[in-house]
Structure formats: structure tokens, C-alpha cells
Amino acid sequence: MDEETLERVRDVVAAIPPGQTLSYGEVAGRAGIRSARLVGRILSEDGHDLPWHRVLRANGTSAPHIAQEQAARLRAEGVLMVDGRLPPEHRRTPSRRRGATGEGRPRSAPETTDPGV
């Protein structure tokens, strides 16, 4: 990865205000890169001096190895996790997870059992 990409990601994370969060994908988008995983890598290797705890997975969860510390840091800023997850109403982008309500499911043609169709 080049230095310019690293600095763009660092700048986006540094600009997240206390009490707010972004997903790795949102950080990637704002930094002009495609990879949410690259954001995670940058934060793990060069994010110790950044508010890394304000970056969560798209579904509002933390990576398991940082979950307790991340939740504690967010709680200190007034952000409360519920059952290890940031509640959907506090996320900027809706979850793409398929749920019982059908939210997030792609639209498709109705199923038919008529073999002639």
C-alpha cells in the first residue's frame, strides 16, 4: 500500500467525532479506496494513535479480539453497544444482513411451480 492511501485512511478515522462511528466500508469509501479490509489492516498496523474504536464492522459489531476494549472506549463517549452490537438506529448505513422481515433481500421474480413458465 502506498503512503497516500495510508494517510487518507488515517485522516478519515481521525475526523470521526467522539460519540460517532463509521464502518470499515464507510471509511474506505470516504478515503477513496475499495477495500474495507485494507482499512482494518491499516488500523491494526498504524492506528494506535487514532480513534480506532470508532470504526466498526458494517453490522455494528467489533472484531472479537478488540471487542471489550472497543466497547469500553465507546461507552466512555456515550455510545452503548447492545449485546455486542451498535443498535441499527445508531448506524449510518442500514445492515445488509438478511433478517426475518425481509430487509436487505434482493428483489427477485415471484417463484412459480408451473413448469410451462
PDB file of N, CA and C in Angstrom:
ATOM      1  N   MET A   1       0.853  -1.177   0.000  1.00  0.00           N
ATOM      2  CA  MET A   1       0.000   0.000   0.000  1.00  0.00           C
ATOM      3  C   MET A   1       0.891   1.229   0.000  1.00  0.00           C
ATOM      4  N   ASP A   2       0.391   2.254  -0.657  1.00  0.00           N
ATOM      5  CA  ASP A   2       1.197   3.471  -0.766  1.00  0.00           C
ATOM      6  C   ASP A   2       0.908   4.420   0.400  1.00  0.00           C
ATOM      7  N   GLU A   3       1.812   5.334   0.593  1.00  0.00           N
ATOM      8  CA  GLU A   3       1.737   6.295   1.705  1.00  0.00           C
ATOM      9  C   GLU A   3       0.505   7.193   1.596  1.00  0.00           C
ATOM     10  N   GLU A   4       0.109   7.551   0.382  1.00  0.00           N
ATOM     11  CA  GLU A   4      -1.053   8.415   0.185  1.00  0.00           C
ATOM     12  C   GLU A   4      -2.336   7.727   0.660  1.00  0.00           C
ATOM     13  N   THR A   5      -2.479   6.454   0.338  1.00  0.00           N
ATOM     14  CA  THR A   5      -3.654   5.690   0.793  1.00  0.00           C
ATOM     15  C   THR A   5      -3.675   5.623   2.311  1.00  0.00           C
ATOM     16  N   LEU A   6      -2.550   5.323   2.891  1.00  0.00           N
ATOM     17  CA  LEU A   6      -2.434   5.246   4.348  1.00  0.00           C
ATOM     18  C   LEU A   6      -2.867   6.559   4.990  1.00  0.00           C
ATOM     19  N   GLU A   7      -2.392   7.663   4.466  1.00  0.00           N
ATOM     20  CA  GLU A   7      -2.720   8.969   5.042  1.00  0.00           C
ATOM     21  C   GLU A   7      -4.187   9.334   4.845  1.00  0.00           C
ATOM     22  N   ARG A   8      -4.764   8.966   3.712  1.00  0.00           N
ATOM     23  CA  ARG A   8      -6.195   9.250   3.501  1.00  0.00           C
ATOM     24  C   ARG A   8      -7.047   8.488   4.505  1.00  0.00           C
ATOM     25  N   VAL A   9      -6.727   7.228   4.744  1.00  0.00           N
ATOM     26  CA  VAL A   9      -7.472   6.436   5.730  1.00  0.00           C
ATOM     27  C   VAL A   9      -7.279   7.026   7.120  1.00  0.00           C
ATOM     28  N   ARG A  10      -6.059   7.357   7.464  1.00  0.00           N
ATOM     29  CA  ARG A  10      -5.791   7.946   8.780  1.00  0.00           C
ATOM     30  C   ARG A  10      -6.565   9.256   8.963  1.00  0.00           C
ATOM     31  N   ASP A  11      -6.614  10.082   7.924  1.00  0.00           N
ATOM     32  CA  ASP A  11      -7.330  11.353   8.017  1.00  0.00           C
ATOM     33  C   ASP A  11      -8.826  11.142   8.241  1.00  0.00           C
ATOM     34  N   VAL A  12      -9.412  10.171   7.551  1.00  0.00           N
ATOM     35  CA  VAL A  12     -10.846   9.898   7.726  1.00  0.00           C
ATOM     36  C   VAL A  12     -11.124   9.437   9.145  1.00  0.00           C
ATOM     37  N   VAL A  13     -10.326   8.511   9.653  1.00  0.00           N
ATOM     38  CA  VAL A  13     -10.542   7.992  11.010  1.00  0.00           C
ATOM     39  C   VAL A  13     -10.313   9.099  12.039  1.00  0.00           C
ATOM     40  N   ALA A  14      -9.306   9.899  11.849  1.00  0.00           N
ATOM     41  CA  ALA A  14      -9.021  10.988  12.794  1.00  0.00           C
ATOM     42  C   ALA A  14     -10.165  11.995  12.852  1.00  0.00           C
ATOM     43  N   ALA A  15     -10.932  12.104  11.776  1.00  0.00           N
ATOM     44  CA  ALA A  15     -12.013  13.092  11.712  1.00  0.00           C
ATOM     45  C   ALA A  15     -13.341  12.588  12.285  1.00  0.00           C
ATOM     46  N   ILE A  16     -13.418  11.328  12.698  1.00  0.00           N
ATOM     47  CA  ILE A  16     -14.666  10.818  13.283  1.00  0.00           C
ATOM     48  C   ILE A  16     -14.830  11.459  14.662  1.00  0.00           C
ATOM     49  N   PRO A  17     -15.913  12.205  14.871  1.00  0.00           N
ATOM     50  CA  PRO A  17     -16.087  12.888  16.148  1.00  0.00           C
ATOM     51  C   PRO A  17     -16.369  11.909  17.298  1.00  0.00           C
ATOM     52  N   PRO A  18     -16.009  12.286  18.518  1.00  0.00           N
ATOM     53  CA  PRO A  18     -16.347  11.465  19.679  1.00  0.00           C
ATOM     54  C   PRO A  18     -17.857  11.212  19.713  1.00  0.00           C
ATOM     55  N   GLY A  19     -18.217   9.994  20.062  1.00  0.00           N
ATOM     56  CA  GLY A  19     -19.628   9.642  20.158  1.00  0.00           C
ATOM     57  C   GLY A  19     -20.242   9.211  18.842  1.00  0.00           C
ATOM     58  N   GLN A  20     -19.449   9.174  17.774  1.00  0.00           N
ATOM     59  CA  GLN A  20     -19.946   8.724  16.481  1.00  0.00           C
ATOM     60  C   GLN A  20     -19.082   7.581  15.970  1.00  0.00           C
ATOM     61  N   THR A  21     -19.626   6.816  15.040  1.00  0.00           N
ATOM     62  CA  THR A  21     -18.891   5.690  14.475  1.00  0.00           C
ATOM     63  C   THR A  21     -19.066   5.654  12.966  1.00  0.00           C
ATOM     64  N   LEU A  22     -18.171   4.941  12.330  1.00  0.00           N
ATOM     65  CA  LEU A  22     -18.264   4.614  10.917  1.00  0.00           C
ATOM     66  C   LEU A  22     -17.934   3.135  10.771  1.00  0.00           C
ATOM     67  N   SER A  23     -18.377   2.544   9.690  1.00  0.00           N
ATOM     68  CA  SER A  23     -17.976   1.169   9.398  1.00  0.00           C
ATOM     69  C   SER A  23     -16.655   1.209   8.626  1.00  0.00           C
ATOM     70  N   TYR A  24     -15.987   0.055   8.576  1.00  0.00           N
ATOM     71  CA  TYR A  24     -14.753  -0.030   7.796  1.00  0.00           C
ATOM     72  C   TYR A  24     -15.024   0.348   6.343  1.00  0.00           C
ATOM     73  N   GLY A  25     -16.166  -0.080   5.809  1.00  0.00           N
ATOM     74  CA  GLY A  25     -16.531   0.241   4.431  1.00  0.00           C
ATOM     75  C   GLY A  25     -16.777   1.716   4.221  1.00  0.00           C
ATOM     76  N   GLU A  26     -17.400   2.361   5.194  1.00  0.00           N
ATOM     77  CA  GLU A  26     -17.630   3.808   5.091  1.00  0.00           C
ATOM     78  C   GLU A  26     -16.300   4.559   5.104  1.00  0.00           C
ATOM     79  N   VAL A  27     -15.375   4.127   5.944  1.00  0.00           N
ATOM     80  CA  VAL A  27     -14.052   4.757   5.974  1.00  0.00           C
ATOM     81  C   VAL A  27     -13.377   4.559   4.615  1.00  0.00           C
ATOM     82  N   ALA A  28     -13.454   3.348   4.085  1.00  0.00           N
ATOM     83  CA  ALA A  28     -12.845   3.074   2.785  1.00  0.00           C
ATOM     84  C   ALA A  28     -13.435   3.988   1.715  1.00  0.00           C
ATOM     85  N   GLY A  29     -14.756   4.098   1.690  1.00  0.00           N
ATOM     86  CA  GLY A  29     -15.408   4.949   0.700  1.00  0.00           C
ATOM     87  C   GLY A  29     -14.981   6.402   0.809  1.00  0.00           C
ATOM     88  N   ARG A  30     -14.925   6.907   2.015  1.00  0.00           N
ATOM     89  CA  ARG A  30     -14.523   8.314   2.219  1.00  0.00           C
ATOM     90  C   ARG A  30     -13.060   8.547   1.879  1.00  0.00           C
ATOM     91  N   ALA A  31     -12.258   7.480   2.014  1.00  0.00           N
ATOM     92  CA  ALA A  31     -10.832   7.597   1.698  1.00  0.00           C
ATOM     93  C   ALA A  31     -10.559   7.333   0.216  1.00  0.00           C
ATOM     94  N   GLY A  32     -11.601   6.949  -0.516  1.00  0.00           N
ATOM     95  CA  GLY A  32     -11.437   6.719  -1.946  1.00  0.00           C
ATOM     96  C   GLY A  32     -10.805   5.394  -2.299  1.00  0.00           C
ATOM     97  N   ILE A  33     -10.960   4.402  -1.416  1.00  0.00           N
ATOM     98  CA  ILE A  33     -10.452   3.064  -1.719  1.00  0.00           C
ATOM     99  C   ILE A  33     -11.609   2.083  -1.683  1.00  0.00           C
ATOM    100  N   ARG A  34     -11.406   0.910  -2.225  1.00  0.00           N
ATOM    101  CA  ARG A  34     -12.486  -0.074  -2.320  1.00  0.00           C
ATOM    102  C   ARG A  34     -12.505  -1.078  -1.175  1.00  0.00           C
ATOM    103  N   SER A  35     -11.427  -1.256  -0.482  1.00  0.00           N
ATOM    104  CA  SER A  35     -11.298  -2.359   0.451  1.00  0.00           C
ATOM    105  C   SER A  35     -11.493  -1.972   1.917  1.00  0.00           C
ATOM    106  N   ALA A  36     -12.580  -2.479   2.498  1.00  0.00           N
ATOM    107  CA  ALA A  36     -12.788  -2.302   3.934  1.00  0.00           C
ATOM    108  C   ALA A  36     -11.718  -3.067   4.713  1.00  0.00           C
ATOM    109  N   ARG A  37     -11.278  -4.184   4.164  1.00  0.00           N
ATOM    110  CA  ARG A  37     -10.229  -4.975   4.833  1.00  0.00           C
ATOM    111  C   ARG A  37      -8.919  -4.205   4.924  1.00  0.00           C
ATOM    112  N   LEU A  38      -8.627  -3.423   3.897  1.00  0.00           N
ATOM    113  CA  LEU A  38      -7.409  -2.615   3.934  1.00  0.00           C
ATOM    114  C   LEU A  38      -7.490  -1.590   5.056  1.00  0.00           C
ATOM    115  N   VAL A  39      -8.675  -1.035   5.290  1.00  0.00           N
ATOM    116  CA  VAL A  39      -8.857  -0.101   6.407  1.00  0.00           C
ATOM    117  C   VAL A  39      -8.524  -0.812   7.715  1.00  0.00           C
ATOM    118  N   GLY A  40      -9.039  -2.017   7.896  1.00  0.00           N
ATOM    119  CA  GLY A  40      -8.736  -2.787   9.105  1.00  0.00           C
ATOM    120  C   GLY A  40      -7.251  -3.050   9.257  1.00  0.00           C
ATOM    121  N   ARG A  41      -6.615  -3.378   8.159  1.00  0.00           N
ATOM    122  CA  ARG A  41      -5.169  -3.638   8.201  1.00  0.00           C
ATOM    123  C   ARG A  41      -4.408  -2.379   8.592  1.00  0.00           C
ATOM    124  N   ILE A  42      -4.778  -1.265   7.993  1.00  0.00           N
ATOM    125  CA  ILE A  42      -4.098  -0.002   8.314  1.00  0.00           C
ATOM    126  C   ILE A  42      -4.272   0.336   9.789  1.00  0.00           C
ATOM    127  N   LEU A  43      -5.485   0.181  10.296  1.00  0.00           N
ATOM    128  CA  LEU A  43      -5.718   0.492  11.708  1.00  0.00           C
ATOM    129  C   LEU A  43      -4.961  -0.458  12.627  1.00  0.00           C
ATOM    130  N   SER A  44      -4.862  -1.725  12.255  1.00  0.00           N
ATOM    131  CA  SER A  44      -4.156  -2.673  13.118  1.00  0.00           C
ATOM    132  C   SER A  44      -2.650  -2.432  13.120  1.00  0.00           C
ATOM    133  N   GLU A  45      -2.120  -1.964  11.989  1.00  0.00           N
ATOM    134  CA  GLU A  45      -0.677  -1.764  11.888  1.00  0.00           C
ATOM    135  C   GLU A  45      -0.225  -0.338  12.214  1.00  0.00           C
ATOM    136  N   ASP A  46      -1.110   0.645  11.982  1.00  0.00           N
ATOM    137  CA  ASP A  46      -0.673   2.031  12.130  1.00  0.00           C
ATOM    138  C   ASP A  46      -1.773   2.925  12.700  1.00  0.00           C
ATOM    139  N   GLY A  47      -2.627   2.351  13.538  1.00  0.00           N
ATOM    140  CA  GLY A  47      -3.734   3.135  14.053  1.00  0.00           C
ATOM    141  C   GLY A  47      -3.739   3.348  15.545  1.00  0.00           C
ATOM    142  N   HIS A  48      -2.640   3.025  16.212  1.00  0.00           N
ATOM    143  CA  HIS A  48      -2.604   3.119  17.675  1.00  0.00           C
ATOM    144  C   HIS A  48      -2.844   4.540  18.184  1.00  0.00           C
ATOM    145  N   ASP A  49      -2.515   5.539  17.371  1.00  0.00           N
ATOM    146  CA  ASP A  49      -2.682   6.931  17.795  1.00  0.00           C
ATOM    147  C   ASP A  49      -3.973   7.555  17.260  1.00  0.00           C
ATOM    148  N   LEU A  50      -4.838   6.733  16.688  1.00  0.00           N
ATOM    149  CA  LEU A  50      -6.108   7.199  16.119  1.00  0.00           C
ATOM    150  C   LEU A  50      -7.280   6.711  16.966  1.00  0.00           C
ATOM    151  N   PRO A  51      -8.463   7.297  16.786  1.00  0.00           N
ATOM    152  CA  PRO A  51      -9.656   6.790  17.483  1.00  0.00           C
ATOM    153  C   PRO A  51     -10.204   5.550  16.764  1.00  0.00           C
ATOM    154  N   TRP A  52      -9.386   4.503  16.700  1.00  0.00           N
ATOM    155  CA  TRP A  52      -9.729   3.264  16.004  1.00  0.00           C
ATOM    156  C   TRP A  52     -11.014   2.639  16.517  1.00  0.00           C
ATOM    157  N   HIS A  53     -11.337   2.919  17.778  1.00  0.00           N
ATOM    158  CA  HIS A  53     -12.521   2.314  18.395  1.00  0.00           C
ATOM    159  C   HIS A  53     -13.822   2.839  17.791  1.00  0.00           C
ATOM    160  N   ARG A  54     -13.751   3.896  17.013  1.00  0.00           N
ATOM    161  CA  ARG A  54     -14.947   4.465  16.372  1.00  0.00           C
ATOM    162  C   ARG A  54     -15.247   3.810  15.021  1.00  0.00           C
ATOM    163  N   VAL A  55     -14.488   2.787  14.665  1.00  0.00           N
ATOM    164  CA  VAL A  55     -14.691   2.069  13.406  1.00  0.00           C
ATOM    165  C   VAL A  55     -15.155   0.653  13.727  1.00  0.00           C
ATOM    166  N   LEU A  56     -16.325   0.311  13.208  1.00  0.00           N
ATOM    167  CA  LEU A  56     -16.949  -0.986  13.478  1.00  0.00           C
ATOM    168  C   LEU A  56     -17.203  -1.742  12.182  1.00  0.00           C
ATOM    169  N   ARG A  57     -17.545  -3.003  12.317  1.00  0.00           N
ATOM    170  CA  ARG A  57     -17.986  -3.775  11.157  1.00  0.00           C
ATOM    171  C   ARG A  57     -19.312  -3.201  10.660  1.00  0.00           C
ATOM    172  N   ALA A  58     -19.671  -3.515   9.422  1.00  0.00           N
ATOM    173  CA  ALA A  58     -20.900  -2.992   8.819  1.00  0.00           C
ATOM    174  C   ALA A  58     -22.147  -3.401   9.598  1.00  0.00           C
ATOM    175  N   ASN A  59     -22.095  -4.535  10.290  1.00  0.00           N
ATOM    176  CA  ASN A  59     -23.254  -4.981  11.065  1.00  0.00           C
ATOM    177  C   ASN A  59     -23.264  -4.425  12.481  1.00  0.00           C
ATOM    178  N   GLY A  60     -22.343  -3.523  12.777  1.00  0.00           N
ATOM    179  CA  GLY A  60     -22.320  -2.875  14.083  1.00  0.00           C
ATOM    180  C   GLY A  60     -21.567  -3.621  15.159  1.00  0.00           C
ATOM    181  N   THR A  61     -20.858  -4.688  14.795  1.00  0.00           N
ATOM    182  CA  THR A  61     -20.101  -5.453  15.787  1.00  0.00           C
ATOM    183  C   THR A  61     -18.621  -5.098  15.724  1.00  0.00           C
ATOM    184  N   SER A  62     -17.918  -5.529  16.759  1.00  0.00           N
ATOM    185  CA  SER A  62     -16.467  -5.359  16.839  1.00  0.00           C
ATOM    186  C   SER A  62     -15.796  -6.666  16.461  1.00  0.00           C
ATOM    187  N   ALA A  63     -14.568  -6.578  16.018  1.00  0.00           N
ATOM    188  CA  ALA A  63     -13.774  -7.794  15.845  1.00  0.00           C
ATOM    189  C   ALA A  63     -13.579  -8.402  17.236  1.00  0.00           C
ATOM    190  N   PRO A  64     -13.683  -9.724  17.368  1.00  0.00           N
ATOM    191  CA  PRO A  64     -13.642 -10.365  18.693  1.00  0.00           C
ATOM    192  C   PRO A  64     -12.417 -10.006  19.532  1.00  0.00           C
ATOM    193  N   HIS A  65     -11.256  -9.887  18.916  1.00  0.00           N
ATOM    194  CA  HIS A  65     -10.034  -9.640  19.689  1.00  0.00           C
ATOM    195  C   HIS A  65      -9.945  -8.226  20.266  1.00  0.00           C
ATOM    196  N   ILE A  66     -10.817  -7.311  19.818  1.00  0.00           N
ATOM    197  CA  ILE A  66     -10.803  -5.944  20.364  1.00  0.00           C
ATOM    198  C   ILE A  66     -12.155  -5.538  20.961  1.00  0.00           C
ATOM    199  N   ALA A  67     -13.087  -6.457  21.007  1.00  0.00           N
ATOM    200  CA  ALA A  67     -14.473  -6.137  21.368  1.00  0.00           C
ATOM    201  C   ALA A  67     -14.604  -5.474  22.740  1.00  0.00           C
ATOM    202  N   GLN A  68     -13.967  -6.030  23.758  1.00  0.00           N
ATOM    203  CA  GLN A  68     -14.130  -5.471  25.106  1.00  0.00           C
ATOM    204  C   GLN A  68     -13.546  -4.065  25.214  1.00  0.00           C
ATOM    205  N   GLU A  69     -12.343  -3.887  24.707  1.00  0.00           N
ATOM    206  CA  GLU A  69     -11.720  -2.561  24.791  1.00  0.00           C
ATOM    207  C   GLU A  69     -12.477  -1.548  23.929  1.00  0.00           C
ATOM    208  N   GLN A  70     -12.917  -1.971  22.757  1.00  0.00           N
ATOM    209  CA  GLN A  70     -13.656  -1.068  21.881  1.00  0.00           C
ATOM    210  C   GLN A  70     -14.970  -0.642  22.524  1.00  0.00           C
ATOM    211  N   ALA A  71     -15.704  -1.583  23.104  1.00  0.00           N
ATOM    212  CA  ALA A  71     -16.969  -1.263  23.766  1.00  0.00           C
ATOM    213  C   ALA A  71     -16.748  -0.306  24.940  1.00  0.00           C
ATOM    214  N   ALA A  72     -15.686  -0.525  25.692  1.00  0.00           N
ATOM    215  CA  ALA A  72     -15.392   0.350  26.832  1.00  0.00           C
ATOM    216  C   ALA A  72     -15.055   1.770  26.374  1.00  0.00           C
ATOM    217  N   ARG A  73     -14.265   1.890  25.319  1.00  0.00           N
ATOM    218  CA  ARG A  73     -13.907   3.222  24.812  1.00  0.00           C
ATOM    219  C   ARG A  73     -15.142   3.938  24.250  1.00  0.00           C
ATOM    220  N   LEU A  74     -15.989   3.198  23.531  1.00  0.00           N
ATOM    221  CA  LEU A  74     -17.209   3.807  23.000  1.00  0.00           C
ATOM    222  C   LEU A  74     -18.157   4.210  24.125  1.00  0.00           C
ATOM    223  N   ARG A  75     -18.267   3.356  25.138  1.00  0.00           N
ATOM    224  CA  ARG A  75     -19.135   3.660  26.286  1.00  0.00           C
ATOM    225  C   ARG A  75     -18.684   4.958  26.962  1.00  0.00           C
ATOM    226  N   ALA A  76     -17.378   5.164  27.060  1.00  0.00           N
ATOM    227  CA  ALA A  76     -16.846   6.386  27.667  1.00  0.00           C
ATOM    228  C   ALA A  76     -17.238   7.625  26.852  1.00  0.00           C
ATOM    229  N   GLU A  77     -17.575   7.432  25.570  1.00  0.00           N
ATOM    230  CA  GLU A  77     -18.004   8.538  24.711  1.00  0.00           C
ATOM    231  C   GLU A  77     -19.528   8.600  24.580  1.00  0.00           C
ATOM    232  N   GLY A  78     -20.218   7.753  25.348  1.00  0.00           N
ATOM    233  CA  GLY A  78     -21.679   7.766  25.327  1.00  0.00           C
ATOM    234  C   GLY A  78     -22.309   6.869  24.283  1.00  0.00           C
ATOM    235  N   VAL A  79     -21.525   6.018  23.648  1.00  0.00           N
ATOM    236  CA  VAL A  79     -22.032   5.084  22.647  1.00  0.00           C
ATOM    237  C   VAL A  79     -22.169   3.717  23.310  1.00  0.00           C
ATOM    238  N   LEU A  80     -23.394   3.233  23.382  1.00  0.00           N
ATOM    239  CA  LEU A  80     -23.638   1.961  24.065  1.00  0.00           C
ATOM    240  C   LEU A  80     -23.904   0.843  23.073  1.00  0.00           C
ATOM    241  N   MET A  81     -23.168  -0.238  23.244  1.00  0.00           N
ATOM    242  CA  MET A  81     -23.386  -1.439  22.443  1.00  0.00           C
ATOM    243  C   MET A  81     -24.460  -2.262  23.164  1.00  0.00           C
ATOM    244  N   VAL A  82     -25.283  -2.934  22.403  1.00  0.00           N
ATOM    245  CA  VAL A  82     -26.310  -3.806  22.969  1.00  0.00           C
ATOM    246  C   VAL A  82     -26.033  -5.214  22.464  1.00  0.00           C
ATOM    247  N   ASP A  83     -25.759  -6.118  23.402  1.00  0.00           N
ATOM    248  CA  ASP A  83     -25.394  -7.493  23.046  1.00  0.00           C
ATOM    249  C   ASP A  83     -24.241  -7.524  22.047  1.00  0.00           C
ATOM    250  N   GLY A  84     -23.247  -6.677  22.272  1.00  0.00           N
ATOM    251  CA  GLY A  84     -22.051  -6.661  21.434  1.00  0.00           C
ATOM    252  C   GLY A  84     -22.222  -6.007  20.080  1.00  0.00           C
ATOM    253  N   ARG A  85     -23.276  -5.236  19.911  1.00  0.00           N
ATOM    254  CA  ARG A  85     -23.578  -4.635  18.606  1.00  0.00           C
ATOM    255  C   ARG A  85     -24.085  -3.222  18.797  1.00  0.00           C
ATOM    256  N   LEU A  86     -23.671  -2.344  17.895  1.00  0.00           N
ATOM    257  CA  LEU A  86     -24.217  -0.990  17.874  1.00  0.00           C
ATOM    258  C   LEU A  86     -25.639  -1.093  17.331  1.00  0.00           C
ATOM    259  N   PRO A  87     -26.639  -0.603  18.057  1.00  0.00           N
ATOM    260  CA  PRO A  87     -28.016  -0.711  17.570  1.00  0.00           C
ATOM    261  C   PRO A  87     -28.173  -0.082  16.182  1.00  0.00           C
ATOM    262  N   PRO A  88     -29.017  -0.678  15.331  1.00  0.00           N
ATOM    263  CA  PRO A  88     -29.173  -0.193  13.953  1.00  0.00           C
ATOM    264  C   PRO A  88     -29.513   1.286  13.849  1.00  0.00           C
ATOM    265  N   GLU A  89     -30.279   1.809  14.786  1.00  0.00           N
ATOM    266  CA  GLU A  89     -30.658   3.216  14.698  1.00  0.00           C
ATOM    267  C   GLU A  89     -29.474   4.159  14.889  1.00  0.00           C
ATOM    268  N   HIS A  90     -28.349   3.639  15.355  1.00  0.00           N
ATOM    269  CA  HIS A  90     -27.157   4.461  15.542  1.00  0.00           C
ATOM    270  C   HIS A  90     -26.141   4.279  14.422  1.00  0.00           C
ATOM    271  N   ARG A  91     -26.468   3.438  13.448  1.00  0.00           N
ATOM    272  CA  ARG A  91     -25.576   3.222  12.310  1.00  0.00           C
ATOM    273  C   ARG A  91     -25.996   4.114  11.162  1.00  0.00           C
ATOM    274  N   ARG A  92     -25.024   4.588  10.405  1.00  0.00           N
ATOM    275  CA  ARG A  92     -25.333   5.441   9.257  1.00  0.00           C
ATOM    276  C   ARG A  92     -25.931   4.649   8.110  1.00  0.00           C
ATOM    277  N   THR A  93     -25.364   3.484   7.833  1.00  0.00           N
ATOM    278  CA  THR A  93     -25.865   2.674   6.734  1.00  0.00           C
ATOM    279  C   THR A  93     -26.630   1.489   7.289  1.00  0.00           C
ATOM    280  N   PRO A  94     -27.790   1.170   6.707  1.00  0.00           N
ATOM    281  CA  PRO A  94     -28.550   0.031   7.205  1.00  0.00           C
ATOM    282  C   PRO A  94     -27.796  -1.266   6.970  1.00  0.00           C
ATOM    283  N   SER A  95     -28.031  -2.208   7.848  1.00  0.00           N
ATOM    284  CA  SER A  95     -27.404  -3.516   7.737  1.00  0.00           C
ATOM    285  C   SER A  95     -27.877  -4.205   6.465  1.00  0.00           C
ATOM    286  N   ARG A  96     -26.994  -4.891   5.833  1.00  0.00           N
ATOM    287  CA  ARG A  96     -27.350  -5.662   4.641  1.00  0.00           C
ATOM    288  C   ARG A  96     -27.700  -7.096   5.019  1.00  0.00           C
ATOM    289  N   ARG A  97     -27.653  -7.389   6.288  1.00  0.00           N
ATOM    290  CA  ARG A  97     -27.935  -8.741   6.760  1.00  0.00           C
ATOM    291  C   ARG A  97     -29.390  -9.073   6.478  1.00  0.00           C
ATOM    292  N   ARG A  98     -29.615 -10.268   6.021  1.00  0.00           N
ATOM    293  CA  ARG A  98     -30.975 -10.690   5.743  1.00  0.00           C
ATOM    294  C   ARG A  98     -31.653 -11.091   7.038  1.00  0.00           C
ATOM    295  N   GLY A  99     -32.767 -10.474   7.319  1.00  0.00           N
ATOM    296  CA  GLY A  99     -33.479 -10.760   8.557  1.00  0.00           C
ATOM    297  C   GLY A  99     -34.850 -11.337   8.293  1.00  0.00           C
ATOM    298  N   ALA A 100     -35.557 -11.622   9.354  1.00  0.00           N
ATOM    299  CA  ALA A 100     -36.875 -12.224   9.252  1.00  0.00           C
ATOM    300  C   ALA A 100     -37.877 -11.304   8.570  1.00  0.00           C
ATOM    301  N   THR A 101     -37.618 -10.013   8.584  1.00  0.00           N
ATOM    302  CA  THR A 101     -38.551  -9.065   7.979  1.00  0.00           C
ATOM    303  C   THR A 101     -38.340  -8.940   6.486  1.00  0.00           C
ATOM    304  N   GLY A 102     -37.282  -9.533   5.966  1.00  0.00           N
ATOM    305  CA  GLY A 102     -37.010  -9.452   4.548  1.00  0.00           C
ATOM    306  C   GLY A 102     -36.170  -8.243   4.163  1.00  0.00           C
ATOM    307  N   GLU A 103     -35.815  -7.402   5.123  1.00  0.00           N
ATOM    308  CA  GLU A 103     -34.993  -6.243   4.805  1.00  0.00           C
ATOM    309  C   GLU A 103     -33.645  -6.695   4.283  1.00  0.00           C
ATOM    310  N   GLY A 104     -33.184  -6.009   3.280  1.00  0.00           N
ATOM    311  CA  GLY A 104     -31.872  -6.311   2.742  1.00  0.00           C
ATOM    312  C   GLY A 104     -31.880  -7.406   1.701  1.00  0.00           C
ATOM    313  N   ARG A 105     -32.998  -8.045   1.477  1.00  0.00           N
ATOM    314  CA  ARG A 105     -33.048  -9.112   0.492  1.00  0.00           C
ATOM    315  C   ARG A 105     -33.199  -8.523  -0.893  1.00  0.00           C
ATOM    316  N   PRO A 106     -32.468  -9.094  -1.827  1.00  0.00           N
ATOM    317  CA  PRO A 106     -32.626  -8.591  -3.183  1.00  0.00           C
ATOM    318  C   PRO A 106     -34.001  -8.939  -3.721  1.00  0.00           C
ATOM    319  N   ARG A 107     -34.537  -8.069  -4.545  1.00  0.00           N
ATOM    320  CA  ARG A 107     -35.830  -8.344  -5.162  1.00  0.00           C
ATOM    321  C   ARG A 107     -35.631  -9.346  -6.278  1.00  0.00           C
ATOM    322  N   SER A 108     -36.562 -10.265  -6.376  1.00  0.00           N
ATOM    323  CA  SER A 108     -36.489 -11.245  -7.448  1.00  0.00           C
ATOM    324  C   SER A 108     -37.893 -11.509  -7.964  1.00  0.00           C
ATOM    325  N   ALA A 109     -37.961 -12.172  -9.084  1.00  0.00           N
ATOM    326  CA  ALA A 109     -39.262 -12.509  -9.658  1.00  0.00           C
ATOM    327  C   ALA A 109     -39.961 -13.506  -8.742  1.00  0.00           C
ATOM    328  N   PRO A 110     -41.297 -13.465  -8.701  1.00  0.00           N
ATOM    329  CA  PRO A 110     -42.017 -14.422  -7.874  1.00  0.00           C
ATOM    330  C   PRO A 110     -41.734 -15.839  -8.331  1.00  0.00           C
ATOM    331  N   GLU A 111     -41.693 -16.752  -7.359  1.00  0.00           N
ATOM    332  CA  GLU A 111     -41.473 -18.151  -7.686  1.00  0.00           C
ATOM    333  C   GLU A 111     -42.743 -18.731  -8.305  1.00  0.00           C
ATOM    334  N   THR A 112     -42.553 -19.665  -9.198  1.00  0.00           N
ATOM    335  CA  THR A 112     -43.685 -20.337  -9.800  1.00  0.00           C
ATOM    336  C   THR A 112     -43.434 -21.828  -9.821  1.00  0.00           C
ATOM    337  N   THR A 113     -44.475 -22.581  -9.736  1.00  0.00           N
ATOM    338  CA  THR A 113     -44.350 -24.049  -9.806  1.00  0.00           C
ATOM    339  C   THR A 113     -44.851 -24.560 -11.151  1.00  0.00           C
ATOM    340  N   ASP A 114     -45.257 -23.648 -12.029  1.00  0.00           N
ATOM    341  CA  ASP A 114     -45.746 -24.019 -13.345  1.00  0.00           C
ATOM    342  C   ASP A 114     -44.562 -24.301 -14.263  1.00  0.00           C
ATOM    343  N   PRO A 115     -44.359 -25.567 -14.654  1.00  0.00           N
ATOM    344  CA  PRO A 115     -43.187 -25.888 -15.479  1.00  0.00           C
ATOM    345  C   PRO A 115     -43.243 -25.260 -16.859  1.00  0.00           C
ATOM    346  N   GLY A 116     -44.400 -24.760 -17.265  1.00  0.00           N
ATOM    347  CA  GLY A 116     -44.518 -24.140 -18.576  1.00  0.00           C
ATOM    348  C   GLY A 116     -44.085 -22.692 -18.609  1.00  0.00           C
ATOM    349  N   VAL A 117     -43.688 -22.156 -17.496  1.00  0.00           N
ATOM    350  CA  VAL A 117     -43.303 -20.737 -17.436  1.00  0.00           C
ATOM    351  C   VAL A 117     -41.833 -20.593 -17.641  1.00  0.00           C
TER     352      VAL A 117
END
